[in-house]
């Protein structure tokens, strides 16, 4: 599933993040859900009103990183949430590009392989999907951003806006994977 330009603009309002010379070589995939598919219950929020999920971060794989990539960042954003203003579910950065992915459940909190930033609730953790019951399924865009910043350069505690601001002029390319969830 290709991300529509209007959706990408909503997800990453800082247009300088896109690198037109990359020509789409960067790719991101997940064994936890297919692009455009339904997000698995393991990734959903634990509240019974959400489906009583396990709130585990999805497995992610990437390939064809742009030349010069020194670190990676991830943002999981629900543009349908928050009554139309969007909800940030996951901010992760300082990810070593030498790894070809993240195992399911390994990046919900900061650790050896990742720094986890603030979600919309202000917590430094992954927040599983949990749209209101009866809503149409929400779309969860998980965007991988390749950067030229050395590992450990970005400080702890960043939210989406703070991360995007610090990535200005340092992003080498980005690609998104979109999952859906509703109940």
N, C-alpha and C. Protein backbone atom coordinates (compact mmCIF):
# COMPACT_ATOMS: atom_id res chain seq x y z
N UNK A 1 0.85 -1.18 0.00
CA UNK A 1 0.00 0.00 0.00
C UNK A 1 0.89 1.23 0.00
N UNK A 2 0.72 2.10 -0.99
CA UNK A 2 1.49 3.33 -1.02
C UNK A 2 0.79 4.37 -0.17
N UNK A 3 1.59 5.13 0.58
CA UNK A 3 1.03 6.20 1.39
C UNK A 3 0.66 7.36 0.48
N UNK A 4 -0.54 7.81 0.58
CA UNK A 4 -1.00 8.93 -0.24
C UNK A 4 -0.26 10.20 0.17
N UNK A 5 0.05 11.09 -0.77
CA UNK A 5 0.77 12.32 -0.44
C UNK A 5 0.09 13.15 0.64
N UNK A 6 -1.24 13.23 0.63
CA UNK A 6 -1.93 14.03 1.64
C UNK A 6 -1.78 13.40 3.02
N UNK A 7 -1.73 12.05 3.08
CA UNK A 7 -1.56 11.38 4.36
C UNK A 7 -0.15 11.57 4.87
N UNK A 8 0.84 11.44 3.98
CA UNK A 8 2.23 11.64 4.38
C UNK A 8 2.42 13.06 4.89
N UNK A 9 1.79 14.04 4.24
CA UNK A 9 1.91 15.42 4.71
C UNK A 9 1.33 15.58 6.10
N UNK A 10 0.24 14.87 6.40
CA UNK A 10 -0.35 14.94 7.74
C UNK A 10 0.54 14.24 8.76
N UNK A 11 1.22 13.19 8.34
CA UNK A 11 2.05 12.43 9.25
C UNK A 11 3.37 13.14 9.54
N UNK A 12 3.97 13.68 8.53
CA UNK A 12 5.25 14.36 8.65
C UNK A 12 5.14 15.76 8.07
N UNK A 13 4.64 16.71 8.85
CA UNK A 13 4.40 18.03 8.31
C UNK A 13 5.68 18.76 7.91
N UNK A 14 6.82 18.29 8.33
CA UNK A 14 8.08 18.92 7.98
C UNK A 14 8.53 18.37 6.64
N UNK A 15 8.19 19.06 5.55
CA UNK A 15 8.43 18.53 4.22
C UNK A 15 9.90 18.35 3.91
N UNK A 16 10.79 18.97 4.65
CA UNK A 16 12.21 18.80 4.42
C UNK A 16 12.67 17.39 4.75
N UNK A 17 11.83 16.59 5.41
CA UNK A 17 12.22 15.22 5.75
C UNK A 17 12.28 14.34 4.51
N UNK A 18 11.51 14.65 3.50
CA UNK A 18 11.49 13.82 2.30
C UNK A 18 12.72 14.11 1.45
N UNK A 19 13.32 13.08 0.90
CA UNK A 19 14.48 13.22 0.05
C UNK A 19 14.11 12.65 -1.30
N UNK A 20 13.84 13.53 -2.26
CA UNK A 20 13.34 13.07 -3.54
C UNK A 20 14.37 12.25 -4.30
N UNK A 21 15.66 12.38 -4.00
CA UNK A 21 16.67 11.61 -4.71
C UNK A 21 16.70 10.16 -4.25
N UNK A 22 16.02 9.82 -3.17
CA UNK A 22 16.01 8.45 -2.66
C UNK A 22 15.20 7.52 -3.56
N UNK A 23 14.23 8.02 -4.29
CA UNK A 23 13.42 7.30 -5.25
C UNK A 23 12.77 6.05 -4.67
N UNK A 24 12.42 6.05 -3.39
CA UNK A 24 11.67 4.96 -2.80
C UNK A 24 12.45 3.70 -2.53
N UNK A 25 13.78 3.72 -2.55
CA UNK A 25 14.57 2.51 -2.33
C UNK A 25 14.43 2.00 -0.90
N UNK A 26 14.28 2.89 0.05
CA UNK A 26 14.12 2.51 1.44
C UNK A 26 12.80 1.78 1.61
N UNK A 27 12.80 0.67 2.35
CA UNK A 27 11.54 -0.04 2.59
C UNK A 27 11.44 -0.47 4.04
N UNK A 28 10.20 -0.56 4.52
CA UNK A 28 9.90 -1.01 5.87
C UNK A 28 8.78 -2.04 5.77
N UNK A 29 8.89 -3.09 6.58
CA UNK A 29 7.85 -4.12 6.59
C UNK A 29 7.72 -4.67 8.00
N UNK A 30 6.67 -5.47 8.21
CA UNK A 30 6.42 -6.03 9.52
C UNK A 30 5.78 -7.41 9.38
N UNK A 31 6.20 -8.32 10.25
CA UNK A 31 5.52 -9.62 10.30
C UNK A 31 4.32 -9.54 11.24
N UNK A 32 4.17 -8.43 11.96
CA UNK A 32 3.06 -8.25 12.89
C UNK A 32 1.78 -7.82 12.17
N UNK A 33 1.91 -7.12 11.06
CA UNK A 33 0.77 -6.74 10.23
C UNK A 33 1.29 -6.35 8.85
N UNK A 34 0.46 -6.56 7.84
CA UNK A 34 0.85 -6.21 6.48
C UNK A 34 0.50 -4.75 6.22
N UNK A 35 1.17 -4.17 5.25
CA UNK A 35 0.88 -2.79 4.88
C UNK A 35 -0.56 -2.70 4.39
N UNK A 36 -1.36 -1.89 5.06
CA UNK A 36 -2.77 -1.76 4.74
C UNK A 36 -3.65 -2.78 5.45
N UNK A 37 -3.02 -3.71 6.18
CA UNK A 37 -3.76 -4.76 6.86
C UNK A 37 -4.16 -4.38 8.28
N UNK A 38 -4.77 -5.33 8.95
CA UNK A 38 -5.25 -5.12 10.32
C UNK A 38 -4.12 -5.39 11.31
N UNK A 39 -3.97 -4.49 12.26
CA UNK A 39 -2.96 -4.64 13.31
C UNK A 39 -3.39 -5.76 14.25
N UNK A 40 -2.43 -6.62 14.59
CA UNK A 40 -2.70 -7.78 15.44
C UNK A 40 -3.02 -7.36 16.87
N UNK A 41 -3.80 -8.19 17.55
CA UNK A 41 -4.21 -7.92 18.92
C UNK A 41 -3.00 -7.77 19.85
N UNK A 42 -1.89 -8.41 19.56
CA UNK A 42 -0.70 -8.27 20.39
C UNK A 42 -0.23 -6.82 20.47
N UNK A 43 -0.46 -6.02 19.43
CA UNK A 43 -0.01 -4.63 19.41
C UNK A 43 -1.04 -3.67 20.00
N UNK A 44 -2.26 -4.12 20.20
CA UNK A 44 -3.36 -3.27 20.66
C UNK A 44 -3.24 -2.97 22.16
N UNK A 45 -3.83 -1.87 22.59
CA UNK A 45 -3.82 -1.49 23.99
C UNK A 45 -4.46 -2.54 24.89
N UNK A 46 -4.04 -2.59 26.17
CA UNK A 46 -4.52 -3.64 27.07
C UNK A 46 -5.92 -3.42 27.63
N UNK A 47 -6.47 -2.24 27.49
CA UNK A 47 -7.80 -1.94 28.01
C UNK A 47 -8.83 -2.87 27.36
N UNK A 48 -9.71 -3.49 28.14
CA UNK A 48 -10.75 -4.35 27.55
C UNK A 48 -11.60 -3.60 26.51
N UNK A 49 -11.74 -2.30 26.66
CA UNK A 49 -12.50 -1.52 25.69
C UNK A 49 -11.80 -1.44 24.34
N UNK A 50 -10.50 -1.77 24.30
CA UNK A 50 -9.72 -1.75 23.06
C UNK A 50 -9.63 -3.12 22.42
N UNK A 51 -9.96 -4.14 23.18
CA UNK A 51 -9.81 -5.50 22.70
C UNK A 51 -8.91 -6.33 23.59
N UNK A 52 -8.43 -5.72 24.69
CA UNK A 52 -7.57 -6.42 25.66
C UNK A 52 -6.32 -6.99 25.01
N UNK A 53 -5.59 -6.12 24.31
CA UNK A 53 -4.35 -6.53 23.65
C UNK A 53 -3.18 -6.61 24.62
N UNK A 54 -2.02 -6.92 24.06
CA UNK A 54 -0.81 -7.09 24.85
C UNK A 54 0.08 -5.85 24.83
N UNK A 55 -0.23 -4.87 24.00
CA UNK A 55 0.53 -3.62 23.87
C UNK A 55 2.02 -3.88 23.61
N UNK A 56 2.28 -4.80 22.69
CA UNK A 56 3.65 -5.11 22.30
C UNK A 56 3.98 -4.33 21.03
N UNK A 57 5.18 -3.76 20.98
CA UNK A 57 5.59 -3.08 19.76
C UNK A 57 5.63 -4.08 18.61
N UNK A 58 5.30 -3.64 17.40
CA UNK A 58 5.31 -4.56 16.26
C UNK A 58 6.74 -4.94 15.87
N UNK A 59 6.86 -6.08 15.24
CA UNK A 59 8.13 -6.46 14.63
C UNK A 59 8.31 -5.58 13.41
N UNK A 60 9.51 -5.11 13.19
CA UNK A 60 9.79 -4.26 12.03
C UNK A 60 11.08 -4.70 11.36
N UNK A 61 11.10 -4.63 10.06
CA UNK A 61 12.30 -4.87 9.26
C UNK A 61 12.46 -3.73 8.28
N UNK A 62 13.69 -3.44 7.94
CA UNK A 62 13.95 -2.42 6.94
C UNK A 62 15.12 -2.85 6.08
N UNK A 63 15.17 -2.26 4.89
CA UNK A 63 16.29 -2.53 3.99
C UNK A 63 16.47 -1.35 3.06
N UNK A 64 17.59 -1.37 2.36
CA UNK A 64 17.93 -0.31 1.40
C UNK A 64 18.00 1.06 2.05
N UNK A 65 18.67 1.14 3.20
CA UNK A 65 18.84 2.43 3.85
C UNK A 65 19.69 3.34 2.97
N UNK A 66 19.39 4.63 2.95
CA UNK A 66 20.19 5.55 2.14
C UNK A 66 21.65 5.57 2.58
N UNK A 67 22.54 5.81 1.66
CA UNK A 67 23.97 5.95 1.97
C UNK A 67 24.14 7.04 3.02
N UNK A 68 25.00 6.80 3.97
CA UNK A 68 25.27 7.79 5.01
C UNK A 68 24.36 7.68 6.23
N UNK A 69 23.45 6.69 6.25
CA UNK A 69 22.56 6.52 7.40
C UNK A 69 23.38 6.14 8.63
N UNK A 70 23.24 6.94 9.70
CA UNK A 70 23.98 6.68 10.94
C UNK A 70 23.06 6.33 12.10
N UNK A 71 21.79 6.67 11.97
CA UNK A 71 20.79 6.29 12.98
C UNK A 71 19.41 6.33 12.34
N UNK A 72 18.46 5.68 13.03
CA UNK A 72 17.08 5.62 12.55
C UNK A 72 16.13 6.13 13.61
N UNK A 73 14.97 6.60 13.16
CA UNK A 73 13.90 7.05 14.06
C UNK A 73 12.59 6.45 13.55
N UNK A 74 11.65 6.25 14.48
CA UNK A 74 10.32 5.73 14.15
C UNK A 74 9.25 6.60 14.80
N UNK A 75 8.18 6.81 14.07
CA UNK A 75 7.02 7.50 14.63
C UNK A 75 5.78 6.71 14.22
N UNK A 76 4.94 6.39 15.21
CA UNK A 76 3.64 5.75 14.92
C UNK A 76 2.56 6.77 15.24
N UNK A 77 1.82 7.17 14.23
CA UNK A 77 0.86 8.26 14.34
C UNK A 77 -0.48 7.82 13.77
N UNK A 78 -1.54 8.12 14.51
CA UNK A 78 -2.91 7.84 14.09
C UNK A 78 -3.57 9.16 13.70
N UNK A 79 -3.64 9.48 12.39
CA UNK A 79 -4.23 10.75 11.98
C UNK A 79 -5.74 10.82 12.21
N UNK A 80 -6.38 9.66 12.44
CA UNK A 80 -7.82 9.61 12.67
C UNK A 80 -8.16 9.86 14.14
N UNK A 81 -7.20 9.71 15.03
CA UNK A 81 -7.45 9.79 16.47
C UNK A 81 -7.56 11.21 16.97
N UNK A 82 -7.84 11.33 18.25
CA UNK A 82 -7.92 12.65 18.88
C UNK A 82 -8.97 13.54 18.24
N UNK A 83 -10.05 12.92 17.78
CA UNK A 83 -11.15 13.66 17.15
C UNK A 83 -10.67 14.47 15.94
N UNK A 84 -9.71 13.89 15.22
CA UNK A 84 -9.23 14.50 13.98
C UNK A 84 -7.91 15.23 14.08
N UNK A 85 -7.37 15.43 15.27
CA UNK A 85 -6.07 16.11 15.36
C UNK A 85 -4.91 15.14 15.45
N UNK A 86 -5.22 13.86 15.57
CA UNK A 86 -4.18 12.83 15.56
C UNK A 86 -3.69 12.46 16.94
N UNK A 87 -3.14 11.25 17.02
CA UNK A 87 -2.59 10.73 18.26
C UNK A 87 -1.24 10.09 17.96
N UNK A 88 -0.24 10.44 18.74
CA UNK A 88 1.08 9.83 18.62
C UNK A 88 1.12 8.62 19.55
N UNK A 89 1.39 7.46 18.98
CA UNK A 89 1.43 6.23 19.77
C UNK A 89 2.85 5.79 20.13
N UNK A 90 3.81 6.20 19.32
CA UNK A 90 5.17 5.70 19.55
C UNK A 90 6.16 6.64 18.89
N UNK A 91 7.16 7.03 19.64
CA UNK A 91 8.29 7.80 19.14
C UNK A 91 9.53 7.03 19.59
N UNK A 92 10.36 6.60 18.65
CA UNK A 92 11.56 5.85 18.97
C UNK A 92 12.70 6.35 18.08
N UNK A 93 13.87 6.46 18.65
CA UNK A 93 15.01 7.00 17.88
C UNK A 93 16.32 6.49 18.48
N UNK A 94 17.45 6.96 17.93
CA UNK A 94 18.77 6.44 18.30
C UNK A 94 18.82 4.93 18.05
N UNK A 95 18.22 4.51 16.94
CA UNK A 95 18.20 3.10 16.56
C UNK A 95 19.38 2.84 15.62
N UNK A 96 20.15 1.82 15.92
CA UNK A 96 21.34 1.48 15.15
C UNK A 96 20.95 0.91 13.79
N UNK A 97 21.40 1.52 12.71
CA UNK A 97 21.06 1.01 11.38
C UNK A 97 21.76 -0.30 11.05
N UNK A 98 22.72 -0.71 11.86
CA UNK A 98 23.39 -2.00 11.64
C UNK A 98 22.44 -3.16 11.87
N UNK A 99 21.42 -2.95 12.68
CA UNK A 99 20.39 -3.96 12.88
C UNK A 99 19.43 -3.87 11.69
N UNK A 100 18.91 -4.99 11.26
CA UNK A 100 18.00 -4.96 10.12
C UNK A 100 16.55 -4.92 10.54
N UNK A 101 16.30 -4.65 11.84
CA UNK A 101 14.93 -4.56 12.31
C UNK A 101 14.85 -4.58 13.82
N UNK A 102 13.61 -4.62 14.31
CA UNK A 102 13.33 -4.72 15.74
C UNK A 102 12.40 -5.91 15.95
N UNK A 103 12.70 -6.72 16.95
CA UNK A 103 11.84 -7.85 17.27
C UNK A 103 10.56 -7.35 17.92
N UNK A 104 9.49 -8.10 17.76
CA UNK A 104 8.21 -7.75 18.37
C UNK A 104 8.38 -7.62 19.89
N UNK A 105 7.87 -6.54 20.44
CA UNK A 105 7.88 -6.32 21.88
C UNK A 105 9.17 -5.79 22.46
N UNK A 106 10.21 -5.56 21.65
CA UNK A 106 11.50 -5.19 22.22
C UNK A 106 11.73 -3.68 22.36
N UNK A 107 10.85 -2.85 21.84
CA UNK A 107 11.15 -1.42 21.82
C UNK A 107 10.05 -0.57 22.43
N UNK A 108 9.31 -1.12 23.39
CA UNK A 108 8.25 -0.35 24.03
C UNK A 108 8.75 0.65 25.04
N UNK A 109 9.95 0.42 25.54
CA UNK A 109 10.60 1.32 26.49
C UNK A 109 12.04 1.53 26.05
N UNK A 110 12.67 2.59 26.53
CA UNK A 110 14.06 2.83 26.18
C UNK A 110 14.93 1.69 26.69
N UNK A 111 15.95 1.38 25.93
CA UNK A 111 16.87 0.30 26.30
C UNK A 111 18.13 0.38 25.48
N UNK A 112 18.81 -0.73 25.39
CA UNK A 112 20.09 -0.80 24.71
C UNK A 112 20.00 -0.43 23.23
N UNK A 113 18.88 -0.76 22.57
CA UNK A 113 18.78 -0.59 21.13
C UNK A 113 17.96 0.61 20.68
N UNK A 114 17.32 1.30 21.62
CA UNK A 114 16.39 2.35 21.22
C UNK A 114 16.14 3.34 22.37
N UNK A 115 15.92 4.59 22.02
CA UNK A 115 15.44 5.60 22.96
C UNK A 115 13.98 5.84 22.62
N UNK A 116 13.09 5.66 23.58
CA UNK A 116 11.66 5.85 23.34
C UNK A 116 11.26 7.23 23.86
N UNK A 117 10.62 8.00 22.98
CA UNK A 117 10.18 9.35 23.33
C UNK A 117 8.75 9.35 23.86
N UNK A 118 8.20 10.56 23.95
CA UNK A 118 6.88 10.77 24.54
C UNK A 118 5.75 10.57 23.53
N UNK A 119 4.76 9.79 23.93
CA UNK A 119 3.57 9.63 23.11
C UNK A 119 2.59 10.77 23.45
N UNK A 120 1.40 10.74 22.88
CA UNK A 120 0.43 11.83 23.13
C UNK A 120 -0.01 11.94 24.58
N UNK A 121 0.09 10.86 25.32
CA UNK A 121 -0.24 10.92 26.75
C UNK A 121 0.92 11.47 27.59
N UNK A 122 2.06 11.68 26.96
CA UNK A 122 3.22 12.21 27.66
C UNK A 122 4.09 11.16 28.32
N UNK A 123 3.77 9.88 28.10
CA UNK A 123 4.58 8.82 28.69
C UNK A 123 5.67 8.37 27.73
N UNK A 124 6.76 7.92 28.29
CA UNK A 124 7.91 7.45 27.51
C UNK A 124 7.74 5.95 27.25
N UNK A 125 6.76 5.62 26.42
CA UNK A 125 6.47 4.22 26.14
C UNK A 125 5.66 4.11 24.85
N UNK A 126 5.59 2.88 24.36
CA UNK A 126 4.70 2.55 23.24
C UNK A 126 3.28 2.53 23.78
N UNK A 127 2.36 3.07 23.01
CA UNK A 127 0.94 3.07 23.36
C UNK A 127 0.19 2.35 22.24
N UNK A 128 -0.37 1.19 22.55
CA UNK A 128 -1.06 0.40 21.54
C UNK A 128 -2.32 1.07 21.03
N UNK A 129 -2.72 0.75 19.80
CA UNK A 129 -3.95 1.30 19.24
C UNK A 129 -5.16 1.03 20.14
N UNK A 130 -6.03 2.03 20.23
CA UNK A 130 -7.24 1.90 21.04
C UNK A 130 -8.26 2.95 20.60
N UNK A 131 -8.79 2.81 19.37
CA UNK A 131 -9.79 3.79 18.93
C UNK A 131 -11.10 3.59 19.69
N UNK A 132 -11.91 4.63 19.75
CA UNK A 132 -13.22 4.48 20.41
C UNK A 132 -14.06 3.40 19.73
N UNK A 133 -14.76 2.63 20.54
CA UNK A 133 -15.64 1.60 20.00
C UNK A 133 -16.66 2.25 19.07
N UNK A 134 -16.90 1.64 17.94
CA UNK A 134 -17.88 2.15 16.99
C UNK A 134 -17.29 3.07 15.94
N UNK A 135 -16.06 3.61 16.16
CA UNK A 135 -15.41 4.41 15.12
C UNK A 135 -15.09 3.52 13.93
N UNK A 136 -14.98 4.12 12.77
CA UNK A 136 -14.42 3.40 11.64
C UNK A 136 -13.00 3.01 12.04
N UNK A 137 -12.45 1.95 11.45
CA UNK A 137 -11.06 1.60 11.79
C UNK A 137 -10.13 2.80 11.58
N UNK A 138 -9.23 2.98 12.54
CA UNK A 138 -8.24 4.05 12.44
C UNK A 138 -7.03 3.53 11.65
N UNK A 139 -6.27 4.47 11.09
CA UNK A 139 -5.06 4.16 10.33
C UNK A 139 -3.86 4.54 11.20
N UNK A 140 -2.93 3.62 11.32
CA UNK A 140 -1.74 3.83 12.15
C UNK A 140 -0.53 3.80 11.22
N UNK A 141 0.04 4.97 10.97
CA UNK A 141 1.20 5.07 10.09
C UNK A 141 2.47 4.96 10.92
N UNK A 142 3.25 3.98 10.59
CA UNK A 142 4.52 3.77 11.25
C UNK A 142 5.60 4.19 10.26
N UNK A 143 6.25 5.31 10.54
CA UNK A 143 7.20 5.91 9.62
C UNK A 143 8.63 5.72 10.12
N UNK A 144 9.46 5.15 9.27
CA UNK A 144 10.88 4.98 9.54
C UNK A 144 11.63 6.12 8.87
N UNK A 145 12.49 6.79 9.63
CA UNK A 145 13.27 7.92 9.10
C UNK A 145 14.75 7.60 9.25
N UNK A 146 15.47 7.60 8.13
CA UNK A 146 16.92 7.40 8.15
C UNK A 146 17.58 8.77 8.35
N UNK A 147 18.57 8.84 9.24
CA UNK A 147 19.22 10.12 9.53
C UNK A 147 20.74 10.02 9.40
N UNK A 148 21.37 11.17 9.29
CA UNK A 148 22.84 11.22 9.28
C UNK A 148 23.39 11.52 10.67
N UNK A 149 22.54 11.52 11.69
CA UNK A 149 22.98 11.81 13.06
C UNK A 149 23.62 10.58 13.69
N UNK A 150 24.77 10.74 14.34
CA UNK A 150 25.38 9.60 15.03
C UNK A 150 24.48 9.08 16.14
N UNK A 151 24.58 7.77 16.41
CA UNK A 151 23.82 7.16 17.49
C UNK A 151 24.05 7.90 18.80
N UNK A 152 22.99 8.10 19.56
CA UNK A 152 23.09 8.75 20.86
C UNK A 152 23.07 10.27 20.81
N UNK A 153 23.01 10.84 19.61
CA UNK A 153 23.00 12.31 19.48
C UNK A 153 21.71 12.93 20.00
N UNK A 154 20.59 12.27 19.74
CA UNK A 154 19.29 12.82 20.13
C UNK A 154 19.04 12.57 21.61
N UNK A 155 18.60 13.61 22.35
CA UNK A 155 18.40 13.48 23.79
C UNK A 155 17.16 12.68 24.15
N UNK A 156 17.12 12.19 25.36
CA UNK A 156 15.95 11.47 25.86
C UNK A 156 14.77 12.42 26.00
N UNK A 157 13.56 11.87 25.98
CA UNK A 157 12.36 12.62 26.30
C UNK A 157 11.72 13.41 25.18
N UNK A 158 12.15 13.21 23.93
CA UNK A 158 11.56 13.97 22.83
C UNK A 158 10.15 13.49 22.52
N UNK A 159 9.29 14.43 22.13
CA UNK A 159 8.00 14.07 21.58
C UNK A 159 8.12 14.14 20.05
N UNK A 160 7.03 13.86 19.36
CA UNK A 160 7.06 13.85 17.89
C UNK A 160 7.55 15.18 17.32
N UNK A 161 6.98 16.29 17.81
CA UNK A 161 7.37 17.59 17.27
C UNK A 161 8.83 17.90 17.55
N UNK A 162 9.29 17.59 18.76
CA UNK A 162 10.69 17.84 19.10
C UNK A 162 11.63 17.01 18.24
N UNK A 163 11.27 15.75 18.01
CA UNK A 163 12.09 14.89 17.16
C UNK A 163 12.15 15.42 15.74
N UNK A 164 10.99 15.75 15.17
CA UNK A 164 10.97 16.26 13.81
C UNK A 164 11.76 17.56 13.68
N UNK A 165 11.70 18.39 14.69
CA UNK A 165 12.47 19.64 14.65
C UNK A 165 13.97 19.35 14.62
N UNK A 166 14.43 18.41 15.45
CA UNK A 166 15.86 18.09 15.48
C UNK A 166 16.32 17.33 14.24
N UNK A 167 15.39 16.71 13.52
CA UNK A 167 15.76 15.98 12.30
C UNK A 167 15.84 16.89 11.08
N UNK A 168 15.39 18.12 11.19
CA UNK A 168 15.47 19.05 10.06
C UNK A 168 16.92 19.13 9.59
N UNK A 169 17.13 18.89 8.31
CA UNK A 169 18.46 18.94 7.73
C UNK A 169 19.29 17.68 7.96
N UNK A 170 18.73 16.71 8.66
CA UNK A 170 19.47 15.48 8.97
C UNK A 170 18.78 14.22 8.45
N UNK A 171 17.57 14.33 7.93
CA UNK A 171 16.85 13.18 7.41
C UNK A 171 17.36 12.86 6.01
N UNK A 172 17.59 11.58 5.76
CA UNK A 172 18.08 11.13 4.46
C UNK A 172 16.99 10.47 3.63
N UNK A 173 15.90 10.10 4.28
CA UNK A 173 14.79 9.45 3.60
C UNK A 173 13.82 8.88 4.62
N UNK A 174 12.61 8.60 4.18
CA UNK A 174 11.60 8.05 5.07
C UNK A 174 10.66 7.15 4.27
N UNK A 175 10.08 6.19 4.98
CA UNK A 175 9.09 5.30 4.37
C UNK A 175 8.09 4.90 5.45
N UNK A 176 6.84 4.74 5.07
CA UNK A 176 5.79 4.40 6.03
C UNK A 176 5.14 3.06 5.72
N UNK A 177 4.65 2.46 6.78
CA UNK A 177 3.87 1.24 6.77
C UNK A 177 2.58 1.59 7.50
N UNK A 178 1.42 1.30 6.92
CA UNK A 178 0.16 1.69 7.52
C UNK A 178 -0.66 0.46 7.90
N UNK A 179 -1.07 0.40 9.17
CA UNK A 179 -1.95 -0.66 9.64
C UNK A 179 -3.28 -0.05 10.08
N UNK A 180 -4.32 -0.88 10.16
CA UNK A 180 -5.64 -0.42 10.56
C UNK A 180 -6.07 -1.19 11.80
N UNK A 181 -6.87 -0.52 12.62
CA UNK A 181 -7.48 -1.22 13.75
C UNK A 181 -8.77 -0.54 14.13
N UNK A 182 -9.78 -1.32 14.40
CA UNK A 182 -11.07 -0.84 14.87
C UNK A 182 -11.78 -1.98 15.57
N UNK A 183 -12.77 -1.64 16.38
CA UNK A 183 -13.52 -2.69 17.09
C UNK A 183 -14.93 -2.24 17.34
